[in-house]
Amino acid sequence: MSEVKVFRVIGEIRKPNFQTDFRKEVRALKPEDAVEKVYMDLGSKHRVKRFQIKIVKVEEISPEKIESPLVKKLTLGEKESVQ
């Protein structure tokens, strides 16, 4: 079995009347899966089409560098408490 890793995906959203940068942490088996997850999340929550999303960087991060409380809790389990 493959081990689930944590990736930080950095990019920007470019809609006609809205432009912003984003940074999202997701759990995935490989970087391609992490990018797909970001496309799905942004598309469903912000009604953004895939061609309006530009992925700048995908990096694997260690559990100590996780900033998202939900991803940290899922990755580390009950050892770490969410504040």
N, C-alpha and C. Protein backbone atom coordinates (compact mmCIF):
# COMPACT_ATOMS: atom_id res chain seq x y z
N MET A 1 0.84 -1.20 0.00
CA MET A 1 0.00 0.00 0.00
C MET A 1 0.88 1.25 0.00
N SER A 2 0.35 2.26 -0.61
CA SER A 2 1.05 3.54 -0.64
C SER A 2 0.70 4.35 0.61
N GLU A 3 1.61 5.20 0.97
CA GLU A 3 1.39 6.05 2.14
C GLU A 3 0.80 7.39 1.71
N VAL A 4 -0.16 7.87 2.46
CA VAL A 4 -0.78 9.16 2.16
C VAL A 4 0.16 10.26 2.62
N LYS A 5 0.39 11.23 1.74
CA LYS A 5 1.28 12.35 2.03
C LYS A 5 0.47 13.64 2.07
N VAL A 6 1.08 14.68 2.57
CA VAL A 6 0.43 15.99 2.63
C VAL A 6 1.13 16.90 1.62
N PHE A 7 0.35 17.56 0.78
CA PHE A 7 0.88 18.47 -0.22
C PHE A 7 0.32 19.86 -0.01
N ARG A 8 1.14 20.86 -0.27
CA ARG A 8 0.69 22.25 -0.27
C ARG A 8 0.65 22.70 -1.73
N VAL A 9 -0.53 23.10 -2.18
CA VAL A 9 -0.73 23.54 -3.56
C VAL A 9 -0.90 25.05 -3.54
N ILE A 10 -0.06 25.74 -4.30
CA ILE A 10 -0.09 27.20 -4.37
C ILE A 10 -0.45 27.60 -5.79
N GLY A 11 -1.35 28.57 -5.91
CA GLY A 11 -1.76 28.99 -7.24
C GLY A 11 -2.57 30.27 -7.20
N GLU A 12 -3.25 30.54 -8.31
CA GLU A 12 -4.07 31.75 -8.39
C GLU A 12 -5.35 31.47 -9.17
N ILE A 13 -6.38 32.21 -8.81
CA ILE A 13 -7.67 32.13 -9.48
C ILE A 13 -7.84 33.40 -10.29
N ARG A 14 -8.20 33.22 -11.56
CA ARG A 14 -8.39 34.38 -12.45
C ARG A 14 -9.77 34.30 -13.08
N LYS A 15 -10.71 35.02 -12.50
CA LYS A 15 -12.05 35.17 -13.08
C LYS A 15 -12.13 36.59 -13.64
N PRO A 16 -13.10 36.88 -14.49
CA PRO A 16 -13.17 38.21 -15.08
C PRO A 16 -13.19 39.36 -14.07
N ASN A 17 -13.96 39.23 -12.99
CA ASN A 17 -14.05 40.32 -12.01
C ASN A 17 -13.41 39.96 -10.67
N PHE A 18 -12.58 38.93 -10.66
CA PHE A 18 -12.05 38.45 -9.39
C PHE A 18 -10.71 37.75 -9.63
N GLN A 19 -9.66 38.23 -8.96
CA GLN A 19 -8.35 37.59 -9.04
C GLN A 19 -7.79 37.49 -7.63
N THR A 20 -7.30 36.30 -7.29
CA THR A 20 -6.72 36.12 -5.97
C THR A 20 -5.75 34.95 -5.98
N ASP A 21 -4.83 34.97 -5.03
CA ASP A 21 -3.90 33.86 -4.83
C ASP A 21 -4.49 32.92 -3.79
N PHE A 22 -4.08 31.67 -3.84
CA PHE A 22 -4.53 30.72 -2.83
C PHE A 22 -3.39 29.77 -2.46
N ARG A 23 -3.52 29.21 -1.27
CA ARG A 23 -2.61 28.18 -0.78
C ARG A 23 -3.46 27.17 -0.03
N LYS A 24 -3.41 25.93 -0.46
CA LYS A 24 -4.29 24.91 0.09
C LYS A 24 -3.48 23.66 0.40
N GLU A 25 -3.74 23.07 1.56
CA GLU A 25 -3.08 21.83 1.95
C GLU A 25 -4.06 20.68 1.81
N VAL A 26 -3.64 19.62 1.13
CA VAL A 26 -4.49 18.46 0.91
C VAL A 26 -3.69 17.18 1.15
N ARG A 27 -4.41 16.11 1.46
CA ARG A 27 -3.80 14.79 1.62
C ARG A 27 -4.03 14.01 0.34
N ALA A 28 -2.97 13.39 -0.17
CA ALA A 28 -3.08 12.63 -1.41
C ALA A 28 -1.91 11.64 -1.50
N LEU A 29 -2.04 10.71 -2.43
CA LEU A 29 -0.98 9.73 -2.64
C LEU A 29 0.15 10.28 -3.50
N LYS A 30 -0.20 11.11 -4.49
CA LYS A 30 0.81 11.68 -5.38
C LYS A 30 0.41 13.11 -5.74
N PRO A 31 1.36 13.91 -6.25
CA PRO A 31 1.07 15.31 -6.55
C PRO A 31 -0.08 15.52 -7.53
N GLU A 32 -0.22 14.62 -8.51
CA GLU A 32 -1.30 14.75 -9.48
C GLU A 32 -2.67 14.64 -8.81
N ASP A 33 -2.76 13.76 -7.82
CA ASP A 33 -4.01 13.61 -7.07
C ASP A 33 -4.31 14.85 -6.24
N ALA A 34 -3.26 15.47 -5.70
CA ALA A 34 -3.44 16.69 -4.91
C ALA A 34 -3.97 17.83 -5.78
N VAL A 35 -3.45 17.95 -7.00
CA VAL A 35 -3.91 18.99 -7.92
C VAL A 35 -5.37 18.74 -8.30
N GLU A 36 -5.72 17.51 -8.56
CA GLU A 36 -7.10 17.16 -8.89
C GLU A 36 -8.05 17.51 -7.74
N LYS A 37 -7.63 17.25 -6.51
CA LYS A 37 -8.43 17.57 -5.33
C LYS A 37 -8.66 19.08 -5.22
N VAL A 38 -7.62 19.86 -5.49
CA VAL A 38 -7.75 21.32 -5.43
C VAL A 38 -8.71 21.81 -6.50
N TYR A 39 -8.61 21.27 -7.72
CA TYR A 39 -9.56 21.63 -8.78
C TYR A 39 -11.00 21.34 -8.34
N MET A 40 -11.22 20.18 -7.75
CA MET A 40 -12.57 19.80 -7.32
C MET A 40 -13.07 20.73 -6.22
N ASP A 41 -12.24 21.01 -5.22
CA ASP A 41 -12.65 21.85 -4.09
C ASP A 41 -12.97 23.28 -4.54
N LEU A 42 -12.07 23.87 -5.31
CA LEU A 42 -12.29 25.26 -5.74
C LEU A 42 -13.47 25.35 -6.70
N GLY A 43 -13.62 24.36 -7.55
CA GLY A 43 -14.74 24.37 -8.48
C GLY A 43 -16.08 24.28 -7.77
N SER A 44 -16.15 23.45 -6.73
CA SER A 44 -17.43 23.28 -6.04
C SER A 44 -17.72 24.41 -5.06
N LYS A 45 -16.72 24.93 -4.40
CA LYS A 45 -16.95 25.96 -3.38
C LYS A 45 -17.00 27.37 -3.95
N HIS A 46 -16.25 27.63 -5.01
CA HIS A 46 -16.14 28.99 -5.54
C HIS A 46 -16.63 29.14 -6.97
N ARG A 47 -17.18 28.05 -7.54
CA ARG A 47 -17.73 28.06 -8.90
C ARG A 47 -16.68 28.52 -9.91
N VAL A 48 -15.47 28.01 -9.77
CA VAL A 48 -14.36 28.36 -10.65
C VAL A 48 -14.13 27.21 -11.62
N LYS A 49 -14.00 27.52 -12.90
CA LYS A 49 -13.69 26.51 -13.90
C LYS A 49 -12.20 26.19 -13.86
N ARG A 50 -11.84 25.02 -14.36
CA ARG A 50 -10.44 24.60 -14.32
C ARG A 50 -9.52 25.53 -15.10
N PHE A 51 -9.98 26.08 -16.21
CA PHE A 51 -9.11 26.97 -16.99
C PHE A 51 -8.88 28.31 -16.29
N GLN A 52 -9.67 28.62 -15.26
CA GLN A 52 -9.50 29.85 -14.51
C GLN A 52 -8.55 29.68 -13.32
N ILE A 53 -8.08 28.45 -13.09
CA ILE A 53 -7.17 28.17 -11.98
C ILE A 53 -5.78 27.92 -12.55
N LYS A 54 -4.80 28.62 -12.02
CA LYS A 54 -3.42 28.41 -12.44
C LYS A 54 -2.63 27.88 -11.23
N ILE A 55 -2.12 26.66 -11.35
CA ILE A 55 -1.33 26.06 -10.28
C ILE A 55 0.12 26.53 -10.46
N VAL A 56 0.67 27.17 -9.42
CA VAL A 56 2.03 27.69 -9.49
C VAL A 56 3.03 26.66 -8.96
N LYS A 57 2.68 26.02 -7.83
CA LYS A 57 3.64 25.10 -7.21
C LYS A 57 2.91 24.04 -6.40
N VAL A 58 3.42 22.81 -6.44
CA VAL A 58 2.92 21.72 -5.61
C VAL A 58 4.13 21.17 -4.87
N GLU A 59 4.07 21.17 -3.54
CA GLU A 59 5.19 20.67 -2.76
C GLU A 59 4.71 19.74 -1.65
N GLU A 60 5.49 18.70 -1.43
CA GLU A 60 5.19 17.79 -0.33
C GLU A 60 5.74 18.42 0.95
N ILE A 61 4.94 18.40 2.01
CA ILE A 61 5.39 19.01 3.26
C ILE A 61 5.40 17.97 4.37
N SER A 62 6.23 18.22 5.36
CA SER A 62 6.33 17.31 6.50
C SER A 62 5.18 17.59 7.47
N PRO A 63 4.84 16.63 8.32
CA PRO A 63 3.74 16.84 9.28
C PRO A 63 3.96 18.03 10.22
N GLU A 64 5.21 18.38 10.48
CA GLU A 64 5.48 19.52 11.37
C GLU A 64 5.14 20.86 10.73
N LYS A 65 5.12 20.92 9.40
CA LYS A 65 4.87 22.18 8.69
C LYS A 65 3.42 22.37 8.28
N ILE A 66 2.54 21.47 8.66
CA ILE A 66 1.13 21.58 8.28
C ILE A 66 0.49 22.74 9.03
N GLU A 67 -0.22 23.62 8.31
CA GLU A 67 -0.87 24.78 8.92
C GLU A 67 -2.36 24.56 9.13
N SER A 68 -3.00 23.78 8.28
CA SER A 68 -4.43 23.55 8.36
C SER A 68 -4.76 22.64 9.55
N PRO A 69 -5.62 23.09 10.47
CA PRO A 69 -5.95 22.27 11.64
C PRO A 69 -6.62 20.94 11.27
N LEU A 70 -7.47 20.95 10.26
CA LEU A 70 -8.16 19.72 9.87
C LEU A 70 -7.18 18.69 9.28
N VAL A 71 -6.31 19.14 8.39
CA VAL A 71 -5.33 18.24 7.78
C VAL A 71 -4.36 17.73 8.84
N LYS A 72 -3.99 18.60 9.77
CA LYS A 72 -3.08 18.20 10.84
C LYS A 72 -3.71 17.12 11.71
N LYS A 73 -4.97 17.29 12.05
CA LYS A 73 -5.68 16.31 12.88
C LYS A 73 -5.82 14.98 12.14
N LEU A 74 -6.14 15.02 10.85
CA LEU A 74 -6.28 13.79 10.07
C LEU A 74 -4.94 13.07 9.92
N THR A 75 -3.86 13.84 9.79
CA THR A 75 -2.55 13.24 9.56
C THR A 75 -1.94 12.69 10.84
N LEU A 76 -2.00 13.48 11.90
CA LEU A 76 -1.34 13.08 13.15
C LEU A 76 -2.25 12.31 14.10
N GLY A 77 -3.54 12.32 13.84
CA GLY A 77 -4.47 11.59 14.68
C GLY A 77 -4.72 12.30 16.00
N GLU A 78 -4.97 11.51 17.03
CA GLU A 78 -5.32 12.08 18.34
C GLU A 78 -4.11 12.56 19.12
N LYS A 79 -2.89 12.34 18.60
CA LYS A 79 -1.70 12.77 19.32
C LYS A 79 -1.65 14.28 19.51
N GLU A 80 -2.06 15.00 18.46
CA GLU A 80 -2.07 16.46 18.51
C GLU A 80 -3.50 16.95 18.67
N SER A 81 -3.71 17.93 19.52
CA SER A 81 -5.04 18.48 19.69
C SER A 81 -5.19 19.73 18.81
N VAL A 82 -6.37 19.90 18.26
CA VAL A 82 -6.65 21.06 17.42
C VAL A 82 -7.05 22.20 18.32
N GLN A 83 -6.40 23.33 18.17
CA GLN A 83 -6.66 24.49 19.02
C GLN A 83 -7.66 25.40 18.37
